[in-house]
């Protein structure tokens, strides 16, 4: 499961990456239905680091908490 989610993020970044482009704002949905508009800062095997658009606050979330 973790590898599947990590693979999805890797495919997303490979398909949308540009050397000078900022990551786009996206709406992330948790497994409980909560939504967060944010940019991806980084992704590792277990976690994703996001910056919330509303206030610039940085969050580290376990990938298993995000719906896909």
N, C-alpha and C. Protein backbone atom coordinates (compact mmCIF):
# COMPACT_ATOMS: atom_id res chain seq x y z
N UNK A 1 0.83 -1.19 0.00
CA UNK A 1 0.00 0.00 0.00
C UNK A 1 0.87 1.25 0.00
N UNK A 2 1.88 1.30 0.90
CA UNK A 2 2.75 2.48 0.97
C UNK A 2 3.46 2.70 -0.34
N UNK A 3 3.95 1.61 -0.93
CA UNK A 3 4.67 1.72 -2.20
C UNK A 3 3.75 2.20 -3.32
N UNK A 4 2.48 1.79 -3.28
CA UNK A 4 1.53 2.22 -4.30
C UNK A 4 1.32 3.72 -4.21
N UNK A 5 1.10 4.24 -3.00
CA UNK A 5 0.88 5.67 -2.81
C UNK A 5 2.15 6.43 -3.19
N UNK A 6 3.30 5.94 -2.76
CA UNK A 6 4.57 6.60 -3.10
C UNK A 6 4.77 6.58 -4.60
N UNK A 7 4.43 5.50 -5.26
CA UNK A 7 4.56 5.41 -6.71
C UNK A 7 3.65 6.41 -7.40
N UNK A 8 2.43 6.58 -6.88
CA UNK A 8 1.51 7.56 -7.46
C UNK A 8 2.07 8.97 -7.35
N UNK A 9 2.67 9.32 -6.20
CA UNK A 9 3.28 10.62 -6.04
C UNK A 9 4.47 10.78 -6.99
N UNK A 10 5.26 9.74 -7.13
CA UNK A 10 6.43 9.80 -8.02
C UNK A 10 5.99 10.02 -9.47
N UNK A 11 4.95 9.32 -9.90
CA UNK A 11 4.44 9.50 -11.26
C UNK A 11 3.91 10.91 -11.44
N UNK A 12 3.19 11.42 -10.44
CA UNK A 12 2.68 12.78 -10.50
C UNK A 12 3.82 13.78 -10.68
N UNK A 13 4.86 13.65 -9.86
CA UNK A 13 5.98 14.58 -9.96
C UNK A 13 6.73 14.45 -11.28
N UNK A 14 6.92 13.25 -11.76
CA UNK A 14 7.64 13.04 -13.02
C UNK A 14 6.85 13.63 -14.19
N UNK A 15 5.55 13.51 -14.14
CA UNK A 15 4.72 14.02 -15.22
C UNK A 15 4.51 15.51 -15.19
N UNK A 16 4.65 16.13 -14.02
CA UNK A 16 4.34 17.54 -13.88
C UNK A 16 5.52 18.40 -13.46
N UNK A 17 6.68 17.81 -13.33
CA UNK A 17 7.84 18.56 -12.83
C UNK A 17 8.41 19.45 -13.92
N UNK A 18 8.89 20.60 -13.48
CA UNK A 18 9.61 21.52 -14.34
C UNK A 18 10.73 22.09 -13.49
N UNK A 19 11.86 22.42 -14.10
CA UNK A 19 13.00 22.90 -13.32
C UNK A 19 12.71 24.16 -12.54
N UNK A 20 11.87 25.04 -13.06
CA UNK A 20 11.64 26.33 -12.41
C UNK A 20 10.21 26.53 -11.94
N UNK A 21 9.35 25.58 -12.13
CA UNK A 21 7.95 25.74 -11.77
C UNK A 21 7.71 25.42 -10.30
N UNK A 22 6.81 26.18 -9.71
CA UNK A 22 6.36 25.89 -8.35
C UNK A 22 5.35 24.74 -8.44
N UNK A 23 5.32 23.86 -7.45
CA UNK A 23 4.27 22.84 -7.45
C UNK A 23 2.91 23.54 -7.37
N UNK A 24 1.93 22.96 -8.01
CA UNK A 24 0.62 23.61 -8.02
C UNK A 24 -0.15 23.30 -6.73
N UNK A 25 -1.10 24.18 -6.43
CA UNK A 25 -1.97 23.96 -5.28
C UNK A 25 -2.95 22.86 -5.65
N UNK A 26 -3.15 21.94 -4.74
CA UNK A 26 -4.07 20.82 -4.95
C UNK A 26 -4.90 20.64 -3.69
N UNK A 27 -6.04 20.02 -3.85
CA UNK A 27 -6.88 19.69 -2.69
C UNK A 27 -6.60 18.23 -2.34
N UNK A 28 -6.11 18.02 -1.13
CA UNK A 28 -5.84 16.68 -0.62
C UNK A 28 -6.99 16.29 0.30
N UNK A 29 -7.41 15.04 0.21
CA UNK A 29 -8.51 14.54 1.02
C UNK A 29 -8.01 13.40 1.89
N UNK A 30 -8.32 13.49 3.19
CA UNK A 30 -7.90 12.43 4.11
C UNK A 30 -8.85 11.25 3.99
N UNK A 31 -8.46 10.16 4.58
CA UNK A 31 -9.31 8.97 4.57
C UNK A 31 -10.60 9.18 5.34
N UNK A 32 -10.66 10.24 6.18
CA UNK A 32 -11.88 10.57 6.92
C UNK A 32 -12.73 11.62 6.22
N UNK A 33 -12.24 12.14 5.07
CA UNK A 33 -13.01 13.11 4.29
C UNK A 33 -12.60 14.56 4.49
N UNK A 34 -11.67 14.84 5.39
CA UNK A 34 -11.20 16.22 5.59
C UNK A 34 -10.41 16.65 4.35
N UNK A 35 -10.55 17.93 3.98
CA UNK A 35 -9.87 18.45 2.80
C UNK A 35 -8.87 19.53 3.19
N UNK A 36 -7.77 19.60 2.43
CA UNK A 36 -6.70 20.56 2.69
C UNK A 36 -6.14 21.01 1.35
N UNK A 37 -6.20 22.32 1.07
CA UNK A 37 -5.61 22.85 -0.15
C UNK A 37 -4.16 23.18 0.16
N UNK A 38 -3.24 22.53 -0.56
CA UNK A 38 -1.83 22.63 -0.21
C UNK A 38 -0.94 22.30 -1.40
N UNK A 39 0.36 22.60 -1.22
CA UNK A 39 1.40 22.22 -2.17
C UNK A 39 2.24 21.13 -1.54
N UNK A 40 2.75 20.22 -2.36
CA UNK A 40 3.65 19.18 -1.88
C UNK A 40 5.06 19.76 -1.81
N UNK A 41 5.70 19.61 -0.65
CA UNK A 41 7.08 20.03 -0.46
C UNK A 41 8.00 18.84 -0.71
N UNK A 42 7.66 17.70 -0.12
CA UNK A 42 8.48 16.51 -0.30
C UNK A 42 7.65 15.27 0.03
N UNK A 43 8.14 14.13 -0.45
CA UNK A 43 7.50 12.85 -0.20
C UNK A 43 8.60 11.84 0.08
N UNK A 44 8.40 11.01 1.09
CA UNK A 44 9.31 9.89 1.31
C UNK A 44 8.48 8.62 1.39
N UNK A 45 9.08 7.55 1.85
CA UNK A 45 8.40 6.26 1.85
C UNK A 45 7.12 6.24 2.68
N UNK A 46 7.08 7.00 3.77
CA UNK A 46 5.94 6.95 4.69
C UNK A 46 5.14 8.24 4.79
N UNK A 47 5.75 9.38 4.48
CA UNK A 47 5.13 10.67 4.76
C UNK A 47 5.16 11.61 3.56
N UNK A 48 4.29 12.60 3.62
CA UNK A 48 4.29 13.70 2.65
C UNK A 48 4.32 14.99 3.47
N UNK A 49 5.11 15.97 3.00
CA UNK A 49 5.16 17.28 3.64
C UNK A 49 4.41 18.24 2.73
N UNK A 50 3.41 18.92 3.31
CA UNK A 50 2.56 19.84 2.57
C UNK A 50 2.62 21.23 3.18
N UNK A 51 2.40 22.26 2.36
CA UNK A 51 2.24 23.63 2.85
C UNK A 51 0.81 24.05 2.54
N UNK A 52 0.07 24.42 3.59
CA UNK A 52 -1.33 24.82 3.43
C UNK A 52 -1.41 26.19 2.77
N UNK A 53 -2.28 26.32 1.78
CA UNK A 53 -2.42 27.56 1.02
C UNK A 53 -2.95 28.70 1.90
N UNK A 54 -3.89 28.42 2.76
CA UNK A 54 -4.56 29.45 3.55
C UNK A 54 -3.62 30.28 4.42
N UNK A 55 -2.63 29.61 5.03
CA UNK A 55 -1.77 30.33 5.98
C UNK A 55 -0.29 30.00 5.88
N UNK A 56 0.09 29.14 4.94
CA UNK A 56 1.50 28.79 4.76
C UNK A 56 2.05 27.82 5.79
N UNK A 57 1.18 27.28 6.64
CA UNK A 57 1.63 26.33 7.66
C UNK A 57 2.06 25.03 7.00
N UNK A 58 3.16 24.45 7.48
CA UNK A 58 3.70 23.20 6.94
C UNK A 58 3.22 22.03 7.78
N UNK A 59 2.81 20.96 7.10
CA UNK A 59 2.32 19.75 7.74
C UNK A 59 3.09 18.55 7.23
N UNK A 60 3.36 17.60 8.10
CA UNK A 60 3.88 16.31 7.70
C UNK A 60 2.78 15.28 8.01
N UNK A 61 2.34 14.60 6.97
CA UNK A 61 1.26 13.63 7.12
C UNK A 61 1.71 12.26 6.66
N UNK A 62 1.24 11.24 7.34
CA UNK A 62 1.49 9.87 6.90
C UNK A 62 0.70 9.64 5.62
N UNK A 63 1.34 9.03 4.63
CA UNK A 63 0.66 8.77 3.35
C UNK A 63 -0.60 7.94 3.51
N UNK A 64 -0.61 7.05 4.49
CA UNK A 64 -1.78 6.19 4.68
C UNK A 64 -3.01 6.97 5.13
N UNK A 65 -2.83 8.23 5.56
CA UNK A 65 -3.95 9.06 5.98
C UNK A 65 -4.64 9.76 4.82
N UNK A 66 -4.01 9.71 3.63
CA UNK A 66 -4.57 10.39 2.47
C UNK A 66 -5.31 9.42 1.58
N UNK A 67 -6.45 9.86 1.10
CA UNK A 67 -7.26 9.08 0.18
C UNK A 67 -6.70 9.26 -1.23
N UNK A 68 -6.87 8.29 -2.10
CA UNK A 68 -6.46 8.43 -3.50
C UNK A 68 -7.42 7.73 -4.42
